[in-house]
Amino acid sequence: MPTRSQPKTLPAKLYLLSVDPDSERLSTSRELGVLLRGAALADLNMRKFLREESGKVVASGTKRSGDPVLDDLLREIGEAPQRTWRGWVRRGNRATMRAVESQLESAGLITVRDLRVLGIFPARKIGVADTEIAGALRESVRTALYGGESVAEVDKFDAALVLLVAAG
């Protein structure tokens, strides 16, 4: 059985945190696509792959992050007309959500089952494959929020994840 590791990007972490392991559902399914897109933009910005020019988002060079979801967004930003942060958050959020879900499923961190309720209504069950990884991720968010560190000592990615979780 392959060894699983905690996701490395903000969107992947946020998705995993959004899965309710008891009900096997997403706790924020309506807003999750927008939150994941915002998480991807924040991740790329903090890694210096994006910058802002005159209120518009611009890719910083041609370098890639190594993560397929983030690299797809970088390519999209590089090829499309310039947009504001808000414009990028709203554009393509469903595709980002599907890509993050597929990435986590391929990594063996979640399982996704499509089914029909009453034989008519489509539904999905999303299971957490490794509850220890999900638990460690939840604990890192709690520590960033409630830990004894000063704000300056909290990792910027952990701080961004806390904000994204709060927004969800």
Protein backbone atom coordinates (compact mmCIF):
# COMPACT_ATOMS: atom_id res chain seq x y z
CA MET A 1 0.00 0.00 0.00
CA PRO A 2 1.52 3.39 -1.00
CA THR A 3 2.60 5.79 1.66
CA ARG A 4 0.40 8.86 1.66
CA SER A 5 1.63 12.28 2.62
CA GLN A 6 -0.12 15.48 3.55
CA PRO A 7 -1.06 17.67 0.59
CA LYS A 8 1.42 20.45 -0.17
CA THR A 9 -0.73 23.20 -1.70
CA LEU A 10 -3.36 25.46 -0.16
CA PRO A 11 -6.18 24.29 -2.45
CA ALA A 12 -5.47 20.61 -1.74
CA LYS A 13 -5.31 21.23 2.01
CA LEU A 14 -8.50 23.29 1.95
CA TYR A 15 -10.38 20.60 0.01
CA LEU A 16 -9.27 17.89 2.44
CA LEU A 17 -10.35 20.06 5.37
CA SER A 18 -13.75 20.54 3.70
CA VAL A 19 -14.57 16.84 3.69
CA ASP A 20 -16.77 15.77 6.60
CA PRO A 21 -15.50 12.23 7.25
CA ASP A 22 -18.69 11.20 9.08
CA SER A 23 -21.22 12.21 6.42
CA GLU A 24 -18.77 11.77 3.51
CA ARG A 25 -19.87 15.11 2.11
CA LEU A 26 -18.25 18.45 1.51
CA SER A 27 -19.10 20.87 4.29
CA THR A 28 -18.95 23.90 1.97
CA SER A 29 -19.84 22.49 -1.42
CA ARG A 30 -21.58 25.61 -2.76
CA GLU A 31 -18.68 27.98 -2.08
CA LEU A 32 -15.84 25.51 -2.27
CA GLY A 33 -14.93 26.16 -5.91
CA VAL A 34 -14.49 29.88 -5.26
CA LEU A 35 -12.53 29.18 -2.08
CA LEU A 36 -10.26 26.69 -3.86
CA ARG A 37 -9.62 29.14 -6.67
CA GLY A 38 -8.76 31.83 -4.12
CA ALA A 39 -6.51 29.35 -2.34
CA ALA A 40 -4.69 28.56 -5.59
CA LEU A 41 -4.18 32.25 -6.33
CA ALA A 42 -2.97 32.90 -2.78
CA ASP A 43 -0.59 29.95 -2.97
CA LEU A 44 0.88 31.13 -6.28
CA ASN A 45 1.16 34.70 -5.01
CA MET A 46 2.96 33.69 -1.80
CA ARG A 47 5.37 31.56 -3.85
CA LYS A 48 6.08 34.62 -6.02
CA PHE A 49 4.61 33.13 -9.21
CA LEU A 50 2.12 36.00 -9.48
CA ARG A 51 2.27 39.74 -9.03
CA GLU A 52 -0.11 42.64 -9.39
CA GLU A 53 0.25 45.40 -11.96
CA SER A 54 -2.28 48.22 -12.04
CA GLY A 55 -4.80 46.10 -10.15
CA LYS A 56 -4.45 43.15 -12.53
CA VAL A 57 -2.93 39.73 -11.87
CA VAL A 58 0.18 38.93 -13.92
CA ALA A 59 2.27 35.75 -14.05
CA SER A 60 5.85 36.37 -12.93
CA GLY A 61 7.87 34.77 -15.71
CA THR A 62 7.56 31.31 -17.20
CA LYS A 63 8.69 29.23 -14.24
CA ARG A 64 6.26 26.53 -13.02
CA SER A 65 5.39 25.38 -9.50
CA GLY A 66 5.52 21.64 -10.14
CA ASP A 67 1.91 21.15 -9.00
CA PRO A 68 -0.49 20.38 -11.90
CA VAL A 69 -3.43 22.37 -10.48
CA LEU A 70 -1.31 25.45 -9.77
CA ASP A 71 0.51 25.15 -13.09
CA ASP A 72 -2.80 24.98 -15.02
CA LEU A 73 -3.87 28.22 -13.35
CA LEU A 74 -0.50 29.83 -14.07
CA ARG A 75 -0.79 28.85 -17.73
CA GLU A 76 -4.33 30.19 -17.86
CA ILE A 77 -3.28 33.52 -16.34
CA GLY A 78 -0.36 33.79 -18.77
CA GLU A 79 -2.53 33.13 -21.84
CA ALA A 80 -5.71 35.04 -21.01
CA PRO A 81 -6.40 38.77 -20.95
CA GLN A 82 -5.41 40.35 -17.65
CA ARG A 83 -8.03 40.28 -14.91
CA THR A 84 -8.38 41.46 -11.34
CA TRP A 85 -7.95 39.07 -8.41
CA ARG A 86 -11.74 38.90 -8.08
CA GLY A 87 -12.07 38.09 -11.77
CA TRP A 88 -9.65 35.18 -11.46
CA VAL A 89 -11.31 33.85 -8.31
CA ARG A 90 -14.67 33.70 -10.06
CA ARG A 91 -13.42 32.42 -13.41
CA GLY A 92 -12.96 28.66 -13.71
CA ASN A 93 -13.63 27.78 -10.10
CA ARG A 94 -15.56 24.59 -10.96
CA ALA A 95 -12.70 23.32 -13.10
CA THR A 96 -10.26 24.03 -10.27
CA MET A 97 -12.47 22.16 -7.83
CA ARG A 98 -12.62 19.11 -10.12
CA ALA A 99 -8.85 19.23 -10.67
CA VAL A 100 -8.09 19.40 -6.93
CA GLU A 101 -10.53 16.57 -6.24
CA SER A 102 -8.97 14.44 -8.97
CA GLN A 103 -5.48 15.18 -7.66
CA LEU A 104 -6.42 14.13 -4.11
CA GLU A 105 -8.17 11.02 -5.37
CA SER A 106 -5.13 10.05 -7.48
CA ALA A 107 -2.90 10.56 -4.44
CA GLY A 108 -5.10 8.16 -2.47
CA LEU A 109 -6.14 10.82 0.07
CA ILE A 110 -9.85 10.72 -0.77
CA THR A 111 -12.31 8.35 -2.41
CA VAL A 112 -15.16 9.64 -4.57
CA ARG A 113 -18.33 7.65 -5.29
CA ASP A 114 -21.09 8.91 -7.57
CA LEU A 115 -24.56 7.67 -6.71
CA ARG A 116 -28.24 8.53 -7.09
CA VAL A 117 -30.59 9.40 -4.23
CA LEU A 118 -33.99 7.76 -4.72
CA GLY A 119 -32.61 6.56 -8.04
CA ILE A 120 -33.04 10.07 -9.49
CA PHE A 121 -30.91 12.80 -7.89
CA PRO A 122 -27.15 12.70 -8.44
CA ALA A 123 -25.06 12.74 -5.28
CA ARG A 124 -21.47 12.12 -4.29
CA LYS A 125 -19.86 10.46 -1.32
CA ILE A 126 -16.35 11.65 -0.58
CA GLY A 127 -14.39 9.61 1.91
CA VAL A 128 -11.16 10.49 3.65
CA ALA A 129 -8.76 7.64 2.99
CA ASP A 130 -6.31 8.53 5.77
CA THR A 131 -7.91 10.09 8.82
CA GLU A 132 -4.50 10.64 10.44
CA ILE A 133 -3.40 12.98 7.65
CA ALA A 134 -6.71 14.86 7.80
CA GLY A 135 -6.46 15.04 11.61
CA ALA A 136 -2.89 16.38 11.47
CA LEU A 137 -4.02 19.01 8.99
CA ARG A 138 -6.90 20.08 11.25
CA GLU A 139 -4.51 20.25 14.19
CA SER A 140 -2.08 22.47 12.28
CA VAL A 141 -4.93 24.89 11.54
CA ARG A 142 -5.95 24.90 15.22
CA THR A 143 -2.34 25.49 16.27
CA ALA A 144 -1.97 28.39 13.83
CA LEU A 145 -5.18 29.94 15.15
CA TYR A 146 -4.98 29.22 18.87
CA GLY A 147 -1.29 28.42 19.42
CA GLY A 148 0.89 30.55 21.62
CA GLU A 149 2.98 31.95 18.75
CA SER A 150 2.87 35.60 17.85
CA VAL A 151 1.34 36.44 14.49
CA ALA A 152 4.80 37.14 13.05
CA GLU A 153 5.90 33.57 13.88
CA VAL A 154 2.98 31.79 12.18
CA ASP A 155 3.85 30.32 8.78
CA LYS A 156 2.24 32.42 6.04
CA PHE A 157 0.72 29.35 4.37
CA ASP A 158 -0.82 28.22 7.68
CA ALA A 159 -2.18 31.74 8.26
CA ALA A 160 -3.70 31.80 4.75
CA LEU A 161 -5.27 28.39 5.34
CA VAL A 162 -6.84 29.62 8.60
CA LEU A 163 -8.35 32.58 6.73
CA LEU A 164 -9.67 30.36 3.94
CA VAL A 165 -11.20 27.92 6.43
CA ALA A 166 -12.85 30.83 8.25
CA ALA A 167 -14.23 32.14 4.95
CA GLY A 168 -15.71 28.71 4.21
